[in-house]
Amino acid sequence: MGRYVKKSKSNRDESAFSYKPKFDGKKIFSTEEEAEIVNHLKQASRLHYGLTAIQTRKLAYDYAVANGNIIPDWQENKIAEIS
């Protein structure tokens, strides 16, 4: 982490430096896709049709398959795994 601070301080141009977390490589959904799922879950809740955790994980699996996203080892149970 120290090298990022040194690099940031040595660069006078703040826009030249950016920190990107490493977990982005493991993401299944894009930011827009996540927002769509969240909006769907909120709408279902407002209509008094809240989904359980298992139903939400199945929804995430179905959504990933429908969008053609690469999914890690979810094929066996046809449900999103919690990591």
N, C-alpha and C. Protein backbone atom coordinates (compact mmCIF):
# COMPACT_ATOMS: atom_id res chain seq x y z
N MET A 1 0.82 -1.19 0.00
CA MET A 1 0.00 0.00 0.00
C MET A 1 0.87 1.25 0.00
N GLY A 2 2.04 1.17 0.58
CA GLY A 2 2.92 2.32 0.64
C GLY A 2 3.38 2.80 -0.71
N ARG A 3 3.56 1.86 -1.64
CA ARG A 3 4.04 2.27 -2.97
C ARG A 3 2.99 3.10 -3.69
N TYR A 4 1.69 2.84 -3.41
CA TYR A 4 0.64 3.64 -4.03
C TYR A 4 0.66 5.06 -3.50
N VAL A 5 0.92 5.20 -2.22
CA VAL A 5 0.99 6.52 -1.61
C VAL A 5 2.17 7.29 -2.18
N LYS A 6 3.34 6.63 -2.28
CA LYS A 6 4.51 7.28 -2.86
C LYS A 6 4.26 7.69 -4.30
N LYS A 7 3.64 6.81 -5.07
CA LYS A 7 3.35 7.11 -6.46
C LYS A 7 2.39 8.28 -6.56
N SER A 8 1.41 8.31 -5.68
CA SER A 8 0.43 9.39 -5.69
C SER A 8 1.09 10.72 -5.34
N LYS A 9 1.96 10.71 -4.37
CA LYS A 9 2.62 11.94 -3.94
C LYS A 9 3.62 12.42 -4.99
N SER A 10 4.26 11.48 -5.69
CA SER A 10 5.24 11.89 -6.69
C SER A 10 4.58 12.45 -7.94
N ASN A 11 3.37 12.01 -8.22
CA ASN A 11 2.63 12.55 -9.37
C ASN A 11 1.86 13.79 -8.94
N ARG A 12 2.12 14.86 -9.58
CA ARG A 12 1.39 16.09 -9.27
C ARG A 12 -0.01 16.05 -9.90
N ASP A 13 -0.13 15.28 -10.96
CA ASP A 13 -1.42 15.16 -11.65
C ASP A 13 -2.22 14.06 -10.96
N GLU A 14 -3.24 14.43 -10.22
CA GLU A 14 -4.04 13.48 -9.46
C GLU A 14 -4.79 12.50 -10.36
N SER A 15 -5.16 12.92 -11.57
CA SER A 15 -5.93 12.04 -12.45
C SER A 15 -5.06 10.92 -13.03
N ALA A 16 -3.75 11.05 -12.98
CA ALA A 16 -2.86 10.02 -13.52
C ALA A 16 -2.81 8.79 -12.63
N PHE A 17 -3.15 8.94 -11.37
CA PHE A 17 -3.09 7.83 -10.42
C PHE A 17 -4.48 7.32 -10.13
N SER A 18 -4.61 6.01 -10.18
CA SER A 18 -5.89 5.42 -9.80
C SER A 18 -5.62 4.09 -9.12
N TYR A 19 -6.39 3.80 -8.13
CA TYR A 19 -6.28 2.55 -7.40
C TYR A 19 -7.45 1.68 -7.78
N LYS A 20 -7.18 0.46 -8.21
CA LYS A 20 -8.25 -0.46 -8.60
C LYS A 20 -8.14 -1.70 -7.72
N PRO A 21 -9.20 -2.05 -7.01
CA PRO A 21 -9.14 -3.22 -6.14
C PRO A 21 -9.00 -4.50 -6.96
N LYS A 22 -8.41 -5.50 -6.36
CA LYS A 22 -8.14 -6.76 -7.04
C LYS A 22 -9.38 -7.64 -7.19
N PHE A 23 -10.42 -7.38 -6.42
CA PHE A 23 -11.59 -8.25 -6.47
C PHE A 23 -12.41 -8.07 -7.74
N ASP A 24 -12.12 -7.06 -8.55
CA ASP A 24 -12.86 -6.86 -9.79
C ASP A 24 -12.71 -8.04 -10.75
N GLY A 25 -11.63 -8.76 -10.66
CA GLY A 25 -11.43 -9.90 -11.54
C GLY A 25 -12.37 -11.05 -11.26
N LYS A 26 -12.96 -11.10 -10.09
CA LYS A 26 -13.85 -12.19 -9.69
C LYS A 26 -15.33 -11.83 -9.80
N LYS A 27 -15.62 -10.65 -10.29
CA LYS A 27 -17.00 -10.22 -10.36
C LYS A 27 -17.75 -10.99 -11.44
N ILE A 28 -18.96 -11.37 -11.15
CA ILE A 28 -19.81 -12.08 -12.10
C ILE A 28 -20.65 -11.08 -12.88
N PHE A 29 -21.17 -10.07 -12.20
CA PHE A 29 -22.05 -9.10 -12.81
C PHE A 29 -21.35 -7.75 -12.95
N SER A 30 -21.71 -7.03 -14.00
CA SER A 30 -21.22 -5.66 -14.14
C SER A 30 -21.97 -4.77 -13.15
N THR A 31 -21.54 -3.56 -13.02
CA THR A 31 -22.20 -2.62 -12.12
C THR A 31 -23.65 -2.39 -12.53
N GLU A 32 -23.89 -2.31 -13.83
CA GLU A 32 -25.24 -2.10 -14.33
C GLU A 32 -26.13 -3.31 -14.04
N GLU A 33 -25.59 -4.50 -14.22
CA GLU A 33 -26.35 -5.71 -13.95
C GLU A 33 -26.70 -5.83 -12.46
N GLU A 34 -25.73 -5.50 -11.61
CA GLU A 34 -26.00 -5.51 -10.17
C GLU A 34 -27.11 -4.52 -9.82
N ALA A 35 -27.08 -3.36 -10.44
CA ALA A 35 -28.11 -2.36 -10.17
C ALA A 35 -29.49 -2.86 -10.61
N GLU A 36 -29.55 -3.57 -11.73
CA GLU A 36 -30.82 -4.12 -12.19
C GLU A 36 -31.36 -5.16 -11.21
N ILE A 37 -30.49 -6.01 -10.69
CA ILE A 37 -30.93 -7.01 -9.71
C ILE A 37 -31.42 -6.33 -8.43
N VAL A 38 -30.68 -5.34 -7.98
CA VAL A 38 -31.07 -4.61 -6.77
C VAL A 38 -32.42 -3.93 -6.96
N ASN A 39 -32.60 -3.29 -8.12
CA ASN A 39 -33.89 -2.63 -8.38
C ASN A 39 -35.03 -3.65 -8.43
N HIS A 40 -34.78 -4.80 -9.01
CA HIS A 40 -35.80 -5.84 -9.07
C HIS A 40 -36.17 -6.31 -7.66
N LEU A 41 -35.17 -6.54 -6.82
CA LEU A 41 -35.42 -7.00 -5.45
C LEU A 41 -36.16 -5.94 -4.63
N LYS A 42 -35.79 -4.68 -4.83
CA LYS A 42 -36.48 -3.60 -4.12
C LYS A 42 -37.94 -3.49 -4.57
N GLN A 43 -38.16 -3.61 -5.88
CA GLN A 43 -39.52 -3.54 -6.39
C GLN A 43 -40.36 -4.70 -5.86
N ALA A 44 -39.78 -5.90 -5.84
CA ALA A 44 -40.50 -7.05 -5.30
C ALA A 44 -40.85 -6.84 -3.83
N SER A 45 -39.93 -6.25 -3.09
CA SER A 45 -40.18 -5.99 -1.68
C SER A 45 -41.29 -4.96 -1.50
N ARG A 46 -41.28 -3.92 -2.33
CA ARG A 46 -42.34 -2.90 -2.25
C ARG A 46 -43.72 -3.49 -2.54
N LEU A 47 -43.74 -4.53 -3.38
CA LEU A 47 -45.01 -5.18 -3.72
C LEU A 47 -45.35 -6.30 -2.74
N HIS A 48 -44.63 -6.33 -1.61
CA HIS A 48 -44.82 -7.34 -0.57
C HIS A 48 -44.59 -8.76 -1.10
N TYR A 49 -43.62 -8.87 -2.01
CA TYR A 49 -43.23 -10.16 -2.53
C TYR A 49 -41.72 -10.30 -2.37
N GLY A 50 -41.28 -10.12 -1.13
CA GLY A 50 -39.86 -10.22 -0.85
C GLY A 50 -39.35 -11.64 -1.10
N LEU A 51 -38.15 -11.74 -1.60
CA LEU A 51 -37.57 -13.04 -1.90
C LEU A 51 -36.69 -13.51 -0.74
N THR A 52 -36.67 -14.80 -0.52
CA THR A 52 -35.79 -15.36 0.50
C THR A 52 -34.36 -15.36 -0.04
N ALA A 53 -33.42 -15.70 0.81
CA ALA A 53 -32.02 -15.74 0.38
C ALA A 53 -31.82 -16.79 -0.71
N ILE A 54 -32.44 -17.94 -0.57
CA ILE A 54 -32.32 -19.00 -1.58
C ILE A 54 -32.93 -18.55 -2.90
N GLN A 55 -34.10 -17.92 -2.85
CA GLN A 55 -34.74 -17.43 -4.07
C GLN A 55 -33.90 -16.36 -4.75
N THR A 56 -33.26 -15.52 -3.96
CA THR A 56 -32.40 -14.48 -4.51
C THR A 56 -31.19 -15.09 -5.19
N ARG A 57 -30.61 -16.12 -4.59
CA ARG A 57 -29.45 -16.78 -5.19
C ARG A 57 -29.84 -17.50 -6.48
N LYS A 58 -31.04 -18.08 -6.52
CA LYS A 58 -31.52 -18.71 -7.76
C LYS A 58 -31.75 -17.66 -8.83
N LEU A 59 -32.30 -16.52 -8.43
CA LEU A 59 -32.50 -15.42 -9.36
C LEU A 59 -31.16 -14.96 -9.95
N ALA A 60 -30.15 -14.83 -9.11
CA ALA A 60 -28.83 -14.41 -9.57
C ALA A 60 -28.26 -15.42 -10.56
N TYR A 61 -28.43 -16.71 -10.28
CA TYR A 61 -27.96 -17.75 -11.20
C TYR A 61 -28.67 -17.64 -12.54
N ASP A 62 -30.00 -17.56 -12.51
CA ASP A 62 -30.78 -17.48 -13.75
C ASP A 62 -30.41 -16.22 -14.55
N TYR A 63 -30.20 -15.13 -13.86
CA TYR A 63 -29.84 -13.87 -14.52
C TYR A 63 -28.46 -13.97 -15.17
N ALA A 64 -27.52 -14.60 -14.48
CA ALA A 64 -26.18 -14.77 -15.04
C ALA A 64 -26.22 -15.66 -16.27
N VAL A 65 -26.98 -16.74 -16.23
CA VAL A 65 -27.10 -17.64 -17.38
C VAL A 65 -27.78 -16.92 -18.55
N ALA A 66 -28.83 -16.17 -18.27
CA ALA A 66 -29.56 -15.46 -19.32
C ALA A 66 -28.68 -14.42 -20.02
N ASN A 67 -27.77 -13.80 -19.26
CA ASN A 67 -26.88 -12.78 -19.83
C ASN A 67 -25.61 -13.38 -20.42
N GLY A 68 -25.42 -14.67 -20.26
CA GLY A 68 -24.23 -15.31 -20.80
C GLY A 68 -22.96 -15.00 -20.02
N ASN A 69 -23.10 -14.67 -18.75
CA ASN A 69 -21.94 -14.38 -17.91
C ASN A 69 -21.21 -15.67 -17.57
N ILE A 70 -19.93 -15.56 -17.35
CA ILE A 70 -19.13 -16.71 -16.93
C ILE A 70 -19.38 -16.93 -15.45
N ILE A 71 -19.85 -18.12 -15.10
CA ILE A 71 -20.19 -18.41 -13.71
C ILE A 71 -19.33 -19.55 -13.19
N PRO A 72 -18.76 -19.39 -12.01
CA PRO A 72 -17.85 -20.40 -11.47
C PRO A 72 -18.59 -21.47 -10.66
N ASP A 73 -18.59 -22.68 -11.12
CA ASP A 73 -19.10 -23.83 -10.38
C ASP A 73 -20.52 -23.64 -9.83
N TRP A 74 -21.35 -22.90 -10.52
CA TRP A 74 -22.72 -22.75 -10.09
C TRP A 74 -23.61 -23.77 -10.79
N GLN A 75 -23.06 -24.48 -11.77
CA GLN A 75 -23.84 -25.39 -12.59
C GLN A 75 -24.41 -26.56 -11.78
N GLU A 76 -23.66 -27.01 -10.80
CA GLU A 76 -24.05 -28.21 -10.05
C GLU A 76 -25.40 -28.05 -9.35
N ASN A 77 -25.56 -26.97 -8.61
CA ASN A 77 -26.79 -26.77 -7.84
C ASN A 77 -27.76 -25.80 -8.50
N LYS A 78 -27.33 -25.18 -9.59
CA LYS A 78 -28.12 -24.15 -10.28
C LYS A 78 -28.54 -23.04 -9.32
N ILE A 79 -27.57 -22.60 -8.53
CA ILE A 79 -27.81 -21.55 -7.55
C ILE A 79 -26.50 -20.80 -7.36
N ALA A 80 -26.59 -19.50 -7.13
CA ALA A 80 -25.39 -18.68 -6.90
C ALA A 80 -24.76 -19.08 -5.57
N GLU A 81 -23.46 -19.25 -5.59
CA GLU A 81 -22.73 -19.60 -4.38
C GLU A 81 -22.31 -18.33 -3.65
N ILE A 82 -22.27 -18.39 -2.37
CA ILE A 82 -21.80 -17.29 -1.54
C ILE A 82 -20.31 -17.47 -1.34
N SER A 83 -19.56 -16.40 -1.68
CA SER A 83 -18.10 -16.52 -1.51
C SER A 83 -17.60 -15.66 -0.40
